[in-house]
Amino acid sequence: MGTIVSFHAHPDDESIGSAGTLARAAAAGHRVVLVFATRGELGEPVPGVLEPGEQLPVRRSAECYASAAVIGAKRVEFLGYTDSGMIGEPSNEAPYCFWQADVEHAARRLAVILDEEEPDVLTVYDDNGGYGHPDHIQVHRVGKRAAELSAVPVVVQGTINRDWMLRGLKAQNPDFTPPPGLDTMGKAEAEITHRVDAVDFVEQKRASMRAHASQMGPDHFMLTMPDPMFALGMGTEFYIVDPPINPASAPEIFEELFLPLR
C-alpha cells in the first residue's frame, strides 16, 4: 500500500482537479490524505444554501469531509491560512492570507503532515496554478518546498490540458472561438508528462463535486453535463512530473496510477 497526499488551495479544488486520481488510488487500497491551505472564506455561496447565521468557512470545511468520504480519503487537514481571493483584489494584501505567507514557513507547516504520512506521491498544481489564482500558485511553491524538506519521492503537478480542452470544445462546436485568456489556462499538451485514466471513477468525482453544495448547486454547468460528456471531459486528469522519474526508483503507487502521456 502506498500513500498519496493531495495539497489544495480551497475546498472543492480537490473535486474538480484530482478526485478521479484520488478515488482510483483509494479503491486500489492506497492511503489518501487531503490538505487544504485555506477554508475558502471568499468563495461565493450558492444563493440560499447557508442557514441564517451560518459561516461560509464552517460550511466549506464540513464539505471537505463529505468529499473525502466519497473519494475514500482517510485524513483531512487545513494549514490555517485565509483565502486570498482572485489576483489583483485587495484581499491579496491581507496579512494572514495564503498569498502573503512566507513560503518557507508555510512549507514547514505542510512538512509536519508529510513527515507523519511519509507519502510516496504529493500532488500540487502547475507553476501558474492552473489559471493564475494566487493561492494556487502558492500551492505550487509551498508544496514543492515542503516535498524537499520531507524528501517526498514524487511531486506531481495537476494541470489543465489546454489542447485537450480546445479539441473537446471544437468537437462540440466547429465554429468555437477561444475566449480571451484561454491561452493562459493550464498547459499545452507538449508540456504535460502524465495522465491518470479515471473514467471508471467519474461518478465518485461528480459526487465529490456535489458534496461542495455551497459552491456548486444542482444547476452548475459541470454537474449538469450529460454522462458521456462528463466522462470524456472529466475522466482523464493531467499532470506534470519534473524532473523525469527513474522507473527503477519510482514508487509503486506512481507507476500504477500515472501513465506517461507519450
C-alpha atoms as a PDB file:
ATOM      1  CA  MET A   1       0.000   0.000   0.000  1.00  0.00           C
ATOM      2  CA  GLY A   2       1.233   3.490  -0.886  1.00  0.00           C
ATOM      3  CA  THR A   3       0.246   6.944   0.334  1.00  0.00           C
ATOM      4  CA  ILE A   4      -0.727   9.973  -1.710  1.00  0.00           C
ATOM      5  CA  VAL A   5      -1.083  13.415  -0.107  1.00  0.00           C
ATOM      6  CA  SER A   6      -3.071  15.868  -2.211  1.00  0.00           C
ATOM      7  CA  PHE A   7      -2.454  19.548  -1.423  1.00  0.00           C
ATOM      8  CA  HIS A   8      -5.063  22.119  -2.446  1.00  0.00           C
ATOM      9  CA  ALA A   9      -5.803  25.816  -2.093  1.00  0.00           C
ATOM     10  CA  HIS A  10      -9.522  25.757  -1.296  1.00  0.00           C
ATOM     11  CA  PRO A  11     -12.339  23.313  -0.581  1.00  0.00           C
ATOM     12  CA  ASP A  12     -13.727  21.903  -3.875  1.00  0.00           C
ATOM     13  CA  ASP A  13     -10.382  22.195  -5.706  1.00  0.00           C
ATOM     14  CA  GLU A  14      -9.741  18.542  -4.943  1.00  0.00           C
ATOM     15  CA  SER A  15     -13.034  17.576  -6.562  1.00  0.00           C
ATOM     16  CA  ILE A  16     -12.529  19.339  -9.859  1.00  0.00           C
ATOM     17  CA  GLY A  17      -8.849  18.647 -10.381  1.00  0.00           C
ATOM     18  CA  SER A  18      -7.887  15.337  -8.828  1.00  0.00           C
ATOM     19  CA  ALA A  19     -10.872  13.481  -7.353  1.00  0.00           C
ATOM     20  CA  GLY A  20     -10.650  10.826 -10.051  1.00  0.00           C
ATOM     21  CA  THR A  21      -6.991  10.153  -9.335  1.00  0.00           C
ATOM     22  CA  LEU A  22      -7.608  10.048  -5.599  1.00  0.00           C
ATOM     23  CA  ALA A  23     -10.682   7.829  -5.834  1.00  0.00           C
ATOM     24  CA  ARG A  24      -8.772   5.418  -8.063  1.00  0.00           C
ATOM     25  CA  ALA A  25      -5.898   5.353  -5.565  1.00  0.00           C
ATOM     26  CA  ALA A  26      -8.231   4.720  -2.631  1.00  0.00           C
ATOM     27  CA  ALA A  27     -10.072   1.963  -4.490  1.00  0.00           C
ATOM     28  CA  ALA A  28      -6.741   0.238  -5.102  1.00  0.00           C
ATOM     29  CA  GLY A  29      -6.070   0.196  -1.356  1.00  0.00           C
ATOM     30  CA  HIS A  30      -3.741   3.169  -1.111  1.00  0.00           C
ATOM     31  CA  ARG A  31      -3.961   5.776   1.648  1.00  0.00           C
ATOM     32  CA  VAL A  32      -5.273   9.166   0.510  1.00  0.00           C
ATOM     33  CA  VAL A  33      -4.799  12.362   2.534  1.00  0.00           C
ATOM     34  CA  LEU A  34      -6.238  15.797   1.717  1.00  0.00           C
ATOM     35  CA  VAL A  35      -4.574  19.036   2.849  1.00  0.00           C
ATOM     36  CA  PHE A  36      -6.115  22.459   2.277  1.00  0.00           C
ATOM     37  CA  ALA A  37      -4.223  25.725   2.619  1.00  0.00           C
ATOM     38  CA  THR A  38      -7.425  27.703   3.352  1.00  0.00           C
ATOM     39  CA  ARG A  39     -11.068  27.129   4.176  1.00  0.00           C
ATOM     40  CA  GLY A  40     -12.286  29.091   1.146  1.00  0.00           C
ATOM     41  CA  GLU A  41     -13.532  32.095   3.113  1.00  0.00           C
ATOM     42  CA  LEU A  42     -14.002  34.247  -0.001  1.00  0.00           C
ATOM     43  CA  GLY A  43     -15.993  31.795  -2.083  1.00  0.00           C
ATOM     44  CA  GLU A  44     -19.358  32.922  -3.428  1.00  0.00           C
ATOM     45  CA  PRO A  45     -22.041  30.736  -1.832  1.00  0.00           C
ATOM     46  CA  VAL A  46     -24.931  29.398  -3.866  1.00  0.00           C
ATOM     47  CA  PRO A  47     -27.883  31.674  -3.039  1.00  0.00           C
ATOM     48  CA  GLY A  48     -29.949  30.369  -0.160  1.00  0.00           C
ATOM     49  CA  VAL A  49     -27.651  27.460   0.694  1.00  0.00           C
ATOM     50  CA  LEU A  50     -26.417  28.814   4.040  1.00  0.00           C
ATOM     51  CA  GLU A  51     -28.598  28.688   7.123  1.00  0.00           C
ATOM     52  CA  PRO A  52     -29.223  32.015   8.928  1.00  0.00           C
ATOM     53  CA  GLY A  53     -26.009  32.917  10.764  1.00  0.00           C
ATOM     54  CA  GLU A  54     -24.031  30.033   9.220  1.00  0.00           C
ATOM     55  CA  GLN A  55     -20.463  30.984   8.360  1.00  0.00           C
ATOM     56  CA  LEU A  56     -19.225  30.032   4.928  1.00  0.00           C
ATOM     57  CA  PRO A  57     -15.806  28.663   6.024  1.00  0.00           C
ATOM     58  CA  VAL A  58     -17.515  26.428   8.584  1.00  0.00           C
ATOM     59  CA  ARG A  59     -19.789  25.031   5.881  1.00  0.00           C
ATOM     60  CA  ARG A  60     -16.932  24.620   3.422  1.00  0.00           C
ATOM     61  CA  SER A  61     -14.815  22.807   5.995  1.00  0.00           C
ATOM     62  CA  ALA A  62     -17.629  20.317   6.576  1.00  0.00           C
ATOM     63  CA  GLU A  63     -17.963  19.859   2.820  1.00  0.00           C
ATOM     64  CA  CYS A  64     -14.299  18.816   2.669  1.00  0.00           C
ATOM     65  CA  TYR A  65     -15.016  15.908   4.990  1.00  0.00           C
ATOM     66  CA  ALA A  66     -18.066  14.905   2.955  1.00  0.00           C
ATOM     67  CA  SER A  67     -15.971  14.977  -0.220  1.00  0.00           C
ATOM     68  CA  ALA A  68     -13.220  12.983   1.470  1.00  0.00           C
ATOM     69  CA  ALA A  69     -15.702  10.276   2.423  1.00  0.00           C
ATOM     70  CA  VAL A  70     -16.861   9.982  -1.190  1.00  0.00           C
ATOM     71  CA  ILE A  71     -13.308   9.822  -2.516  1.00  0.00           C
ATOM     72  CA  GLY A  72     -12.112   7.421   0.160  1.00  0.00           C
ATOM     73  CA  ALA A  73      -9.607   9.772   1.792  1.00  0.00           C
ATOM     74  CA  LYS A  74      -8.629   8.861   5.356  1.00  0.00           C
ATOM     75  CA  ARG A  75      -7.426  12.236   6.653  1.00  0.00           C
ATOM     76  CA  VAL A  76      -8.257  15.917   6.094  1.00  0.00           C
ATOM     77  CA  GLU A  77      -6.059  18.769   7.302  1.00  0.00           C
ATOM     78  CA  PHE A  78      -6.061  22.585   6.998  1.00  0.00           C
ATOM     79  CA  LEU A  79      -2.911  24.704   7.161  1.00  0.00           C
ATOM     80  CA  GLY A  80      -4.783  27.640   8.693  1.00  0.00           C
ATOM     81  CA  TYR A  81      -4.311  30.428   6.140  1.00  0.00           C
ATOM     82  CA  THR A  82      -7.154  32.546   4.778  1.00  0.00           C
ATOM     83  CA  ASP A  83      -8.406  32.736   1.215  1.00  0.00           C
ATOM     84  CA  SER A  84      -6.553  35.394  -0.817  1.00  0.00           C
ATOM     85  CA  GLY A  85      -9.241  35.990  -3.436  1.00  0.00           C
ATOM     86  CA  MET A  86      -8.635  36.437  -7.143  1.00  0.00           C
ATOM     87  CA  ILE A  87      -5.466  38.088  -8.416  1.00  0.00           C
ATOM     88  CA  GLY A  88      -5.425  41.875  -8.071  1.00  0.00           C
ATOM     89  CA  GLU A  89      -8.109  42.057  -5.379  1.00  0.00           C
ATOM     90  CA  PRO A  90      -7.429  43.984  -2.126  1.00  0.00           C
ATOM     91  CA  SER A  91      -7.800  40.683  -0.251  1.00  0.00           C
ATOM     92  CA  ASN A  92      -4.428  39.660  -1.734  1.00  0.00           C
ATOM     93  CA  GLU A  93      -2.833  42.019   0.801  1.00  0.00           C
ATOM     94  CA  ALA A  94      -4.481  40.590   3.928  1.00  0.00           C
ATOM     95  CA  PRO A  95      -1.676  39.665   6.359  1.00  0.00           C
ATOM     96  CA  TYR A  96      -2.881  36.123   7.046  1.00  0.00           C
ATOM     97  CA  CYS A  97      -3.929  35.167   3.523  1.00  0.00           C
ATOM     98  CA  PHE A  98      -2.087  32.324   1.848  1.00  0.00           C
ATOM     99  CA  TRP A  99      -0.660  34.573  -0.887  1.00  0.00           C
ATOM    100  CA  GLN A 100       1.172  36.606   1.778  1.00  0.00           C
ATOM    101  CA  ALA A 101       2.508  33.541   3.605  1.00  0.00           C
ATOM    102  CA  ASP A 102       6.255  33.104   3.792  1.00  0.00           C
ATOM    103  CA  VAL A 103       6.915  30.089   1.562  1.00  0.00           C
ATOM    104  CA  GLU A 104       9.467  28.548   3.897  1.00  0.00           C
ATOM    105  CA  HIS A 105       7.219  28.890   6.933  1.00  0.00           C
ATOM    106  CA  ALA A 106       4.167  27.514   5.108  1.00  0.00           C
ATOM    107  CA  ALA A 107       6.259  24.659   3.732  1.00  0.00           C
ATOM    108  CA  ARG A 108       7.317  23.711   7.251  1.00  0.00           C
ATOM    109  CA  ARG A 109       3.651  23.554   8.272  1.00  0.00           C
ATOM    110  CA  LEU A 110       2.923  21.202   5.403  1.00  0.00           C
ATOM    111  CA  ALA A 111       6.113  19.248   6.025  1.00  0.00           C
ATOM    112  CA  VAL A 112       4.863  18.306   9.510  1.00  0.00           C
ATOM    113  CA  ILE A 113       1.993  16.436   7.860  1.00  0.00           C
ATOM    114  CA  LEU A 114       4.257  14.966   5.208  1.00  0.00           C
ATOM    115  CA  ASP A 115       6.675  13.722   7.852  1.00  0.00           C
ATOM    116  CA  GLU A 116       3.797  11.988   9.620  1.00  0.00           C
ATOM    117  CA  GLU A 117       2.380  10.412   6.466  1.00  0.00           C
ATOM    118  CA  GLU A 118       5.641   9.665   4.596  1.00  0.00           C
ATOM    119  CA  PRO A 119       3.826   9.831   1.244  1.00  0.00           C
ATOM    120  CA  ASP A 120       5.050   8.238  -1.950  1.00  0.00           C
ATOM    121  CA  VAL A 121       3.393  10.988  -4.001  1.00  0.00           C
ATOM    122  CA  LEU A 122       2.433  14.607  -3.324  1.00  0.00           C
ATOM    123  CA  THR A 123       0.042  16.403  -5.675  1.00  0.00           C
ATOM    124  CA  VAL A 124       0.286  20.172  -6.144  1.00  0.00           C
ATOM    125  CA  TYR A 125      -0.564  22.498  -9.077  1.00  0.00           C
ATOM    126  CA  ASP A 126       1.481  23.738 -12.005  1.00  0.00           C
ATOM    127  CA  ASP A 127       3.547  26.917 -11.678  1.00  0.00           C
ATOM    128  CA  ASN A 128       0.655  29.131 -12.806  1.00  0.00           C
ATOM    129  CA  GLY A 129      -1.812  27.409 -10.523  1.00  0.00           C
ATOM    130  CA  GLY A 130      -3.859  26.248 -13.479  1.00  0.00           C
ATOM    131  CA  TYR A 131      -5.383  29.646 -14.156  1.00  0.00           C
ATOM    132  CA  GLY A 132      -3.371  32.233 -12.259  1.00  0.00           C
ATOM    133  CA  HIS A 133      -5.148  32.222  -8.888  1.00  0.00           C
ATOM    134  CA  PRO A 134      -2.634  33.432  -6.298  1.00  0.00           C
ATOM    135  CA  ASP A 135      -3.474  30.687  -3.793  1.00  0.00           C
ATOM    136  CA  HIS A 136      -2.993  28.045  -6.481  1.00  0.00           C
ATOM    137  CA  ILE A 137       0.383  29.482  -7.463  1.00  0.00           C
ATOM    138  CA  GLN A 138       1.330  29.422  -3.782  1.00  0.00           C
ATOM    139  CA  VAL A 139       0.311  25.743  -3.532  1.00  0.00           C
ATOM    140  CA  HIS A 140       2.896  25.034  -6.235  1.00  0.00           C
ATOM    141  CA  ARG A 141       5.636  26.955  -4.422  1.00  0.00           C
ATOM    142  CA  VAL A 142       4.856  25.736  -0.913  1.00  0.00           C
ATOM    143  CA  GLY A 143       4.192  22.160  -1.971  1.00  0.00           C
ATOM    144  CA  LYS A 144       7.441  21.770  -3.866  1.00  0.00           C
ATOM    145  CA  ARG A 145       9.466  23.202  -0.983  1.00  0.00           C
ATOM    146  CA  ALA A 146       7.674  21.027   1.587  1.00  0.00           C
ATOM    147  CA  ALA A 147       8.426  17.970  -0.552  1.00  0.00           C
ATOM    148  CA  GLU A 148      12.114  18.891  -0.445  1.00  0.00           C
ATOM    149  CA  LEU A 149      12.011  19.280   3.342  1.00  0.00           C
ATOM    150  CA  SER A 150      10.302  15.887   3.757  1.00  0.00           C
ATOM    151  CA  ALA A 151      12.100  14.058   0.933  1.00  0.00           C
ATOM    152  CA  VAL A 152       8.888  13.072  -0.842  1.00  0.00           C
ATOM    153  CA  PRO A 153       9.908  10.803  -3.746  1.00  0.00           C
ATOM    154  CA  VAL A 154       7.499  12.162  -6.375  1.00  0.00           C
ATOM    155  CA  VAL A 155       5.734  15.500  -6.772  1.00  0.00           C
ATOM    156  CA  VAL A 156       3.053  15.634  -9.468  1.00  0.00           C
ATOM    157  CA  GLN A 157       1.674  18.968 -10.644  1.00  0.00           C
ATOM    158  CA  GLY A 158      -2.000  18.862 -11.526  1.00  0.00           C
ATOM    159  CA  THR A 159      -2.855  20.941 -14.576  1.00  0.00           C
ATOM    160  CA  ILE A 160      -5.409  21.533 -17.321  1.00  0.00           C
ATOM    161  CA  ASN A 161      -4.612  20.070 -20.719  1.00  0.00           C
ATOM    162  CA  ARG A 162      -5.362  23.174 -22.775  1.00  0.00           C
ATOM    163  CA  ASP A 163      -5.184  21.372 -26.125  1.00  0.00           C
ATOM    164  CA  TRP A 164      -7.424  18.537 -24.918  1.00  0.00           C
ATOM    165  CA  MET A 165      -9.980  21.108 -23.728  1.00  0.00           C
ATOM    166  CA  LEU A 166      -9.895  23.035 -27.007  1.00  0.00           C
ATOM    167  CA  ARG A 167     -10.296  19.838 -29.037  1.00  0.00           C
ATOM    168  CA  GLY A 168     -13.330  18.908 -26.977  1.00  0.00           C
ATOM    169  CA  LEU A 169     -14.933  22.339 -27.329  1.00  0.00           C
ATOM    170  CA  LYS A 170     -14.357  22.386 -31.072  1.00  0.00           C
ATOM    171  CA  ALA A 171     -15.754  18.880 -31.422  1.00  0.00           C
ATOM    172  CA  GLN A 172     -18.990  20.137 -29.890  1.00  0.00           C
ATOM    173  CA  ASN A 173     -18.977  23.323 -31.963  1.00  0.00           C
ATOM    174  CA  PRO A 174     -16.723  23.538 -35.038  1.00  0.00           C
ATOM    175  CA  ASP A 175     -17.183  27.337 -35.031  1.00  0.00           C
ATOM    176  CA  PHE A 176     -15.987  27.685 -31.438  1.00  0.00           C
ATOM    177  CA  THR A 177     -13.714  30.705 -30.935  1.00  0.00           C
ATOM    178  CA  PRO A 178     -11.489  30.598 -27.827  1.00  0.00           C
ATOM    179  CA  PRO A 179     -12.317  33.491 -25.489  1.00  0.00           C
ATOM    180  CA  PRO A 180      -9.599  35.852 -24.241  1.00  0.00           C
ATOM    181  CA  GLY A 181      -7.467  34.300 -21.515  1.00  0.00           C
ATOM    182  CA  LEU A 182      -7.989  30.695 -22.544  1.00  0.00           C
ATOM    183  CA  ASP A 183      -4.474  30.593 -23.948  1.00  0.00           C
ATOM    184  CA  THR A 184      -3.070  31.059 -20.430  1.00  0.00           C
ATOM    185  CA  MET A 185      -5.234  28.376 -18.788  1.00  0.00           C
ATOM    186  CA  GLY A 186      -3.422  25.171 -17.928  1.00  0.00           C
ATOM    187  CA  LYS A 187      -0.555  23.997 -20.084  1.00  0.00           C
ATOM    188  CA  ALA A 188      -0.013  22.994 -23.678  1.00  0.00           C
ATOM    189  CA  GLU A 189      -0.142  19.243 -24.153  1.00  0.00           C
ATOM    190  CA  ALA A 190       3.543  19.211 -25.105  1.00  0.00           C
ATOM    191  CA  GLU A 191       4.423  20.326 -21.557  1.00  0.00           C
ATOM    192  CA  ILE A 192       2.322  17.663 -19.835  1.00  0.00           C
ATOM    193  CA  THR A 193       4.099  14.444 -18.949  1.00  0.00           C
ATOM    194  CA  HIS A 194       1.473  12.140 -17.388  1.00  0.00           C
ATOM    195  CA  ARG A 195      -2.216  11.399 -17.240  1.00  0.00           C
ATOM    196  CA  VAL A 196      -4.485   9.376 -14.986  1.00  0.00           C
ATOM    197  CA  ASP A 197      -7.337   7.412 -16.527  1.00  0.00           C
ATOM    198  CA  ALA A 198     -10.181   7.909 -14.061  1.00  0.00           C
ATOM    199  CA  VAL A 199     -13.161   7.240 -16.328  1.00  0.00           C
ATOM    200  CA  ASP A 200     -14.298   4.407 -14.064  1.00  0.00           C
ATOM    201  CA  PHE A 201     -14.442   6.843 -11.137  1.00  0.00           C
ATOM    202  CA  VAL A 202     -16.327   9.754 -12.680  1.00  0.00           C
ATOM    203  CA  GLU A 203     -19.424   9.101 -10.564  1.00  0.00           C
ATOM    204  CA  GLN A 204     -17.324   9.440  -7.424  1.00  0.00           C
ATOM    205  CA  LYS A 205     -15.804  12.579  -8.890  1.00  0.00           C
ATOM    206  CA  ARG A 206     -19.229  14.058  -9.566  1.00  0.00           C
ATOM    207  CA  ALA A 207     -20.402  13.052  -6.075  1.00  0.00           C
ATOM    208  CA  SER A 208     -17.323  14.736  -4.618  1.00  0.00           C
ATOM    209  CA  MET A 209     -18.232  17.904  -6.502  1.00  0.00           C
ATOM    210  CA  ARG A 210     -21.832  17.691  -5.267  1.00  0.00           C
ATOM    211  CA  ALA A 211     -20.519  17.484  -1.715  1.00  0.00           C
ATOM    212  CA  HIS A 212     -19.406  21.104  -2.119  1.00  0.00           C
ATOM    213  CA  ALA A 213     -23.001  22.289  -2.339  1.00  0.00           C
ATOM    214  CA  SER A 214     -22.204  25.783  -1.088  1.00  0.00           C
ATOM    215  CA  GLN A 215     -20.203  26.375  -4.278  1.00  0.00           C
ATOM    216  CA  MET A 216     -21.831  24.077  -6.837  1.00  0.00           C
ATOM    217  CA  GLY A 217     -25.588  23.996  -6.967  1.00  0.00           C
ATOM    218  CA  PRO A 218     -27.545  21.312  -8.829  1.00  0.00           C
ATOM    219  CA  ASP A 219     -27.630  23.580 -11.896  1.00  0.00           C
ATOM    220  CA  HIS A 220     -23.854  24.082 -12.038  1.00  0.00           C
ATOM    221  CA  PHE A 221     -22.699  23.548 -15.629  1.00  0.00           C
ATOM    222  CA  MET A 222     -20.256  20.783 -14.694  1.00  0.00           C
ATOM    223  CA  LEU A 223     -22.867  18.874 -12.710  1.00  0.00           C
ATOM    224  CA  THR A 224     -25.430  19.081 -15.496  1.00  0.00           C
ATOM    225  CA  MET A 225     -23.162  17.694 -18.203  1.00  0.00           C
ATOM    226  CA  PRO A 226     -24.608  14.556 -19.836  1.00  0.00           C
ATOM    227  CA  ASP A 227     -22.869  11.458 -18.545  1.00  0.00           C
ATOM    228  CA  PRO A 228     -20.862  10.756 -21.738  1.00  0.00           C
ATOM    229  CA  MET A 229     -19.644  14.362 -21.911  1.00  0.00           C
ATOM    230  CA  PHE A 230     -18.717  14.379 -18.224  1.00  0.00           C
ATOM    231  CA  ALA A 231     -16.791  11.133 -18.623  1.00  0.00           C
ATOM    232  CA  LEU A 232     -14.959  12.466 -21.669  1.00  0.00           C
ATOM    233  CA  GLY A 233     -14.159  15.880 -20.231  1.00  0.00           C
ATOM    234  CA  MET A 234     -13.549  14.988 -16.586  1.00  0.00           C
ATOM    235  CA  GLY A 235     -12.492  11.346 -16.696  1.00  0.00           C
ATOM    236  CA  THR A 236      -8.841  11.990 -17.523  1.00  0.00           C
ATOM    237  CA  GLU A 237      -6.650  14.078 -15.212  1.00  0.00           C
ATOM    238  CA  PHE A 238      -3.349  15.563 -16.319  1.00  0.00           C
ATOM    239  CA  TYR A 239      -0.054  16.122 -14.504  1.00  0.00           C
ATOM    240  CA  ILE A 240       3.458  17.408 -14.960  1.00  0.00           C
ATOM    241  CA  VAL A 241       6.269  15.459 -13.305  1.00  0.00           C
ATOM    242  CA  ASP A 242       9.549  17.334 -13.219  1.00  0.00           C
ATOM    243  CA  PRO A 243      12.255  16.099 -13.276  1.00  0.00           C
ATOM    244  CA  PRO A 244      11.572  12.813 -15.076  1.00  0.00           C
ATOM    245  CA  ILE A 245      11.219   9.866 -12.733  1.00  0.00           C
ATOM    246  CA  ASN A 246      13.653   6.979 -12.964  1.00  0.00           C
ATOM    247  CA  PRO A 247      11.402   3.903 -13.334  1.00  0.00           C
ATOM    248  CA  ALA A 248      13.816   1.884 -11.215  1.00  0.00           C
ATOM    249  CA  SER A 249      13.226   4.174  -8.226  1.00  0.00           C
ATOM    250  CA  ALA A 250       9.594   5.147  -8.838  1.00  0.00           C
ATOM    251  CA  PRO A 251       7.156   4.209  -6.047  1.00  0.00           C
ATOM    252  CA  GLU A 252       4.679   1.511  -6.964  1.00  0.00           C
ATOM    253  CA  ILE A 253       1.687   3.816  -6.482  1.00  0.00           C
ATOM    254  CA  PHE A 254       3.170   6.254  -9.022  1.00  0.00           C
ATOM    255  CA  GLU A 255       3.751   3.542 -11.602  1.00  0.00           C
ATOM    256  CA  GLU A 256       0.256   2.205 -11.000  1.00  0.00           C
ATOM    257  CA  LEU A 257      -1.638   5.495 -11.368  1.00  0.00           C
ATOM    258  CA  PHE A 258       0.307   7.890 -13.558  1.00  0.00           C
ATOM    259  CA  LEU A 259       0.703   6.959 -17.198  1.00  0.00           C
ATOM    260  CA  PRO A 260       3.235   8.709 -19.456  1.00  0.00           C
ATOM    261  CA  LEU A 261       1.440  10.909 -21.945  1.00  0.00           C
ATOM    262  CA  ARG A 262       3.786   9.912 -24.736  1.00  0.00           C
END
